[in-house]
Amino acid sequence: SDDIDIAFLAHAFQFSGGDIRNVAVTAAYLAADERRPVEMRDLIRGTEAEYRKLGRICVEAEFGVYYGMLGQFDGFADRAETVSPDRAARPSREDLDPMAVGRRRWPSGATPGPL
């Protein structure tokens, strides 16, 4: 998209190569979810998501004029199925025991696969 400010992104944020990749992938997914090209808002939201993962705080001094776009990243929660806590499956004691792998009963024909 024409609105992407690469110079701003390069100077405003200090990321490793892997972090940059994560920002770009998140931005691509956000744009694809709306079936449009990547825009600056997607990169800002991707940066916000990466900051959260890194435990960093999003401050206006770093995001500058794009600070107003923050607070919009909620992941893809609207696409996820939500289950109330009373309906959620609770793991059994055996599920929580890492030594129980060999003792688990598998449905007929199912195998645990490589561990």
C-alpha atoms as a PDB file:
ATOM      1  CA  SER A   1       0.000   0.000   0.000  1.00  0.00           C
ATOM      2  CA  ASP A   2       1.108   3.581  -0.608  1.00  0.00           C
ATOM      3  CA  ASP A   3       0.534   4.675   2.988  1.00  0.00           C
ATOM      4  CA  ILE A   4       3.320   2.516   4.494  1.00  0.00           C
ATOM      5  CA  ASP A   5       6.028   4.681   6.075  1.00  0.00           C
ATOM      6  CA  ILE A   6       9.073   2.378   5.985  1.00  0.00           C
ATOM      7  CA  ALA A   7      11.437   5.131   7.145  1.00  0.00           C
ATOM      8  CA  PHE A   8       9.335   5.739  10.261  1.00  0.00           C
ATOM      9  CA  LEU A   9       9.127   2.029  11.064  1.00  0.00           C
ATOM     10  CA  ALA A  10      12.867   1.571  10.602  1.00  0.00           C
ATOM     11  CA  HIS A  11      13.800   4.471  12.886  1.00  0.00           C
ATOM     12  CA  ALA A  12      11.064   4.312  15.523  1.00  0.00           C
ATOM     13  CA  PHE A  13      11.334   0.660  16.562  1.00  0.00           C
ATOM     14  CA  GLN A  14      14.301  -1.459  17.540  1.00  0.00           C
ATOM     15  CA  PHE A  15      13.548  -5.050  16.631  1.00  0.00           C
ATOM     16  CA  SER A  16      15.588  -8.127  15.797  1.00  0.00           C
ATOM     17  CA  GLY A  17      15.115  -9.805  12.429  1.00  0.00           C
ATOM     18  CA  GLY A  18      12.748 -12.367  13.931  1.00  0.00           C
ATOM     19  CA  ASP A  19      10.659  -9.645  15.564  1.00  0.00           C
ATOM     20  CA  ILE A  20      10.395  -7.807  12.236  1.00  0.00           C
ATOM     21  CA  ARG A  21       9.231 -11.019  10.607  1.00  0.00           C
ATOM     22  CA  ASN A  22       6.581 -11.483  13.321  1.00  0.00           C
ATOM     23  CA  VAL A  23       5.311  -7.920  12.795  1.00  0.00           C
ATOM     24  CA  ALA A  24       5.116  -8.479   9.024  1.00  0.00           C
ATOM     25  CA  VAL A  25       3.337 -11.828   9.350  1.00  0.00           C
ATOM     26  CA  THR A  26       0.803 -10.412  11.820  1.00  0.00           C
ATOM     27  CA  ALA A  27       0.199  -7.453   9.504  1.00  0.00           C
ATOM     28  CA  ALA A  28      -0.291  -9.793   6.546  1.00  0.00           C
ATOM     29  CA  TYR A  29      -2.827 -11.892   8.454  1.00  0.00           C
ATOM     30  CA  LEU A  30      -4.730  -8.807   9.589  1.00  0.00           C
ATOM     31  CA  ALA A  31      -4.937  -7.511   6.006  1.00  0.00           C
ATOM     32  CA  ALA A  32      -5.806 -10.933   4.580  1.00  0.00           C
ATOM     33  CA  ASP A  33      -8.593 -11.271   7.137  1.00  0.00           C
ATOM     34  CA  GLU A  34     -10.186  -8.221   5.514  1.00  0.00           C
ATOM     35  CA  ARG A  35      -9.135  -9.258   1.971  1.00  0.00           C
ATOM     36  CA  ARG A  36      -7.063  -6.168   1.245  1.00  0.00           C
ATOM     37  CA  PRO A  37      -3.397  -5.168   0.876  1.00  0.00           C
ATOM     38  CA  VAL A  38      -1.265  -4.523   3.954  1.00  0.00           C
ATOM     39  CA  GLU A  39      -1.571  -0.949   5.211  1.00  0.00           C
ATOM     40  CA  MET A  40       0.323   1.083   7.786  1.00  0.00           C
ATOM     41  CA  ARG A  41      -2.363   0.390  10.386  1.00  0.00           C
ATOM     42  CA  ASP A  42      -1.680  -3.346  10.028  1.00  0.00           C
ATOM     43  CA  LEU A  43       2.031  -2.831  10.626  1.00  0.00           C
ATOM     44  CA  ILE A  44       1.309  -0.646  13.656  1.00  0.00           C
ATOM     45  CA  ARG A  45      -1.085  -3.264  15.035  1.00  0.00           C
ATOM     46  CA  GLY A  46       1.505  -5.965  14.311  1.00  0.00           C
ATOM     47  CA  THR A  47       4.102  -3.891  16.154  1.00  0.00           C
ATOM     48  CA  GLU A  48       1.727  -3.500  19.088  1.00  0.00           C
ATOM     49  CA  ALA A  49       1.200  -7.268  19.183  1.00  0.00           C
ATOM     50  CA  GLU A  50       4.968  -7.884  19.093  1.00  0.00           C
ATOM     51  CA  TYR A  51       5.514  -5.351  21.873  1.00  0.00           C
ATOM     52  CA  ARG A  52       2.964  -7.224  23.998  1.00  0.00           C
ATOM     53  CA  LYS A  53       4.739 -10.528  23.373  1.00  0.00           C
ATOM     54  CA  LEU A  54       8.067  -8.949  24.336  1.00  0.00           C
ATOM     55  CA  GLY A  55       6.560  -7.373  27.454  1.00  0.00           C
ATOM     56  CA  ARG A  56       7.245  -3.859  26.185  1.00  0.00           C
ATOM     57  CA  ILE A  57       5.045  -0.839  26.760  1.00  0.00           C
ATOM     58  CA  CYS A  58       3.629   1.090  23.804  1.00  0.00           C
ATOM     59  CA  VAL A  59       4.422   4.757  24.361  1.00  0.00           C
ATOM     60  CA  GLU A  60       3.466   7.758  22.271  1.00  0.00           C
ATOM     61  CA  ALA A  61       7.102   8.854  21.934  1.00  0.00           C
ATOM     62  CA  GLU A  62       7.846   5.714  19.895  1.00  0.00           C
ATOM     63  CA  PHE A  63       4.625   5.407  17.889  1.00  0.00           C
ATOM     64  CA  GLY A  64       4.391   9.137  17.110  1.00  0.00           C
ATOM     65  CA  VAL A  65       1.514  10.108  14.837  1.00  0.00           C
ATOM     66  CA  TYR A  66       0.442   6.458  14.658  1.00  0.00           C
ATOM     67  CA  TYR A  67      -0.155   6.219  18.419  1.00  0.00           C
ATOM     68  CA  GLY A  68      -3.894   6.683  17.858  1.00  0.00           C
ATOM     69  CA  MET A  69      -4.015   3.323  16.071  1.00  0.00           C
ATOM     70  CA  LEU A  70      -3.014   1.445  19.230  1.00  0.00           C
ATOM     71  CA  GLY A  71      -5.459  -0.456  21.355  1.00  0.00           C
ATOM     72  CA  GLN A  72      -7.025  -1.925  18.281  1.00  0.00           C
ATOM     73  CA  PHE A  73      -5.094  -5.187  18.287  1.00  0.00           C
ATOM     74  CA  ASP A  74      -7.179  -7.942  19.816  1.00  0.00           C
ATOM     75  CA  GLY A  75      -5.633 -10.733  17.813  1.00  0.00           C
ATOM     76  CA  PHE A  76      -8.177 -12.776  15.980  1.00  0.00           C
ATOM     77  CA  ALA A  77     -10.460 -13.191  18.994  1.00  0.00           C
ATOM     78  CA  ASP A  78     -13.587 -12.469  16.998  1.00  0.00           C
ATOM     79  CA  ARG A  79     -12.897 -15.633  14.994  1.00  0.00           C
ATOM     80  CA  ALA A  80     -12.225 -17.863  17.992  1.00  0.00           C
ATOM     81  CA  GLU A  81     -14.943 -19.952  19.548  1.00  0.00           C
ATOM     82  CA  THR A  82     -15.491 -18.983  23.138  1.00  0.00           C
ATOM     83  CA  VAL A  83     -16.507 -21.522  25.732  1.00  0.00           C
ATOM     84  CA  SER A  84     -17.813 -20.584  29.138  1.00  0.00           C
ATOM     85  CA  PRO A  85     -15.724 -21.928  32.033  1.00  0.00           C
ATOM     86  CA  ASP A  86     -18.521 -24.229  33.210  1.00  0.00           C
ATOM     87  CA  ARG A  87     -18.678 -25.877  29.749  1.00  0.00           C
ATOM     88  CA  ALA A  88     -14.922 -26.110  29.231  1.00  0.00           C
ATOM     89  CA  ALA A  89     -13.464 -29.591  29.397  1.00  0.00           C
ATOM     90  CA  ARG A  90     -11.370 -30.003  32.485  1.00  0.00           C
ATOM     91  CA  PRO A  91      -8.216 -32.113  32.217  1.00  0.00           C
ATOM     92  CA  SER A  92      -8.116 -35.270  34.262  1.00  0.00           C
ATOM     93  CA  ARG A  93      -5.416 -35.968  36.811  1.00  0.00           C
ATOM     94  CA  GLU A  94      -3.906 -38.401  34.284  1.00  0.00           C
ATOM     95  CA  ASP A  95      -3.807 -35.675  31.619  1.00  0.00           C
ATOM     96  CA  LEU A  96      -1.798 -33.476  33.962  1.00  0.00           C
ATOM     97  CA  ASP A  97       0.700 -36.219  34.881  1.00  0.00           C
ATOM     98  CA  PRO A  98       3.646 -36.139  32.420  1.00  0.00           C
ATOM     99  CA  MET A  99       4.614 -39.681  33.475  1.00  0.00           C
ATOM    100  CA  ALA A 100       1.198 -41.053  32.508  1.00  0.00           C
ATOM    101  CA  VAL A 101       1.835 -40.967  28.749  1.00  0.00           C
ATOM    102  CA  GLY A 102       2.470 -44.709  28.544  1.00  0.00           C
ATOM    103  CA  ARG A 103      -0.589 -45.490  30.667  1.00  0.00           C
ATOM    104  CA  ARG A 104      -3.121 -43.515  28.642  1.00  0.00           C
ATOM    105  CA  ARG A 105      -5.949 -45.412  27.045  1.00  0.00           C
ATOM    106  CA  TRP A 106      -6.263 -44.518  23.385  1.00  0.00           C
ATOM    107  CA  PRO A 107      -9.494 -44.948  21.430  1.00  0.00           C
ATOM    108  CA  SER A 108      -9.551 -48.081  19.314  1.00  0.00           C
ATOM    109  CA  GLY A 109      -7.441 -47.621  16.200  1.00  0.00           C
ATOM    110  CA  ALA A 110      -5.831 -44.407  17.503  1.00  0.00           C
ATOM    111  CA  THR A 111      -2.181 -44.155  18.423  1.00  0.00           C
ATOM    112  CA  PRO A 112      -0.359 -41.402  20.246  1.00  0.00           C
ATOM    113  CA  GLY A 113       2.056 -40.871  17.365  1.00  0.00           C
ATOM    114  CA  PRO A 114       5.720 -40.002  17.840  1.00  0.00           C
ATOM    115  CA  LEU A 115       6.541 -38.316  21.090  1.00  0.00           C
END
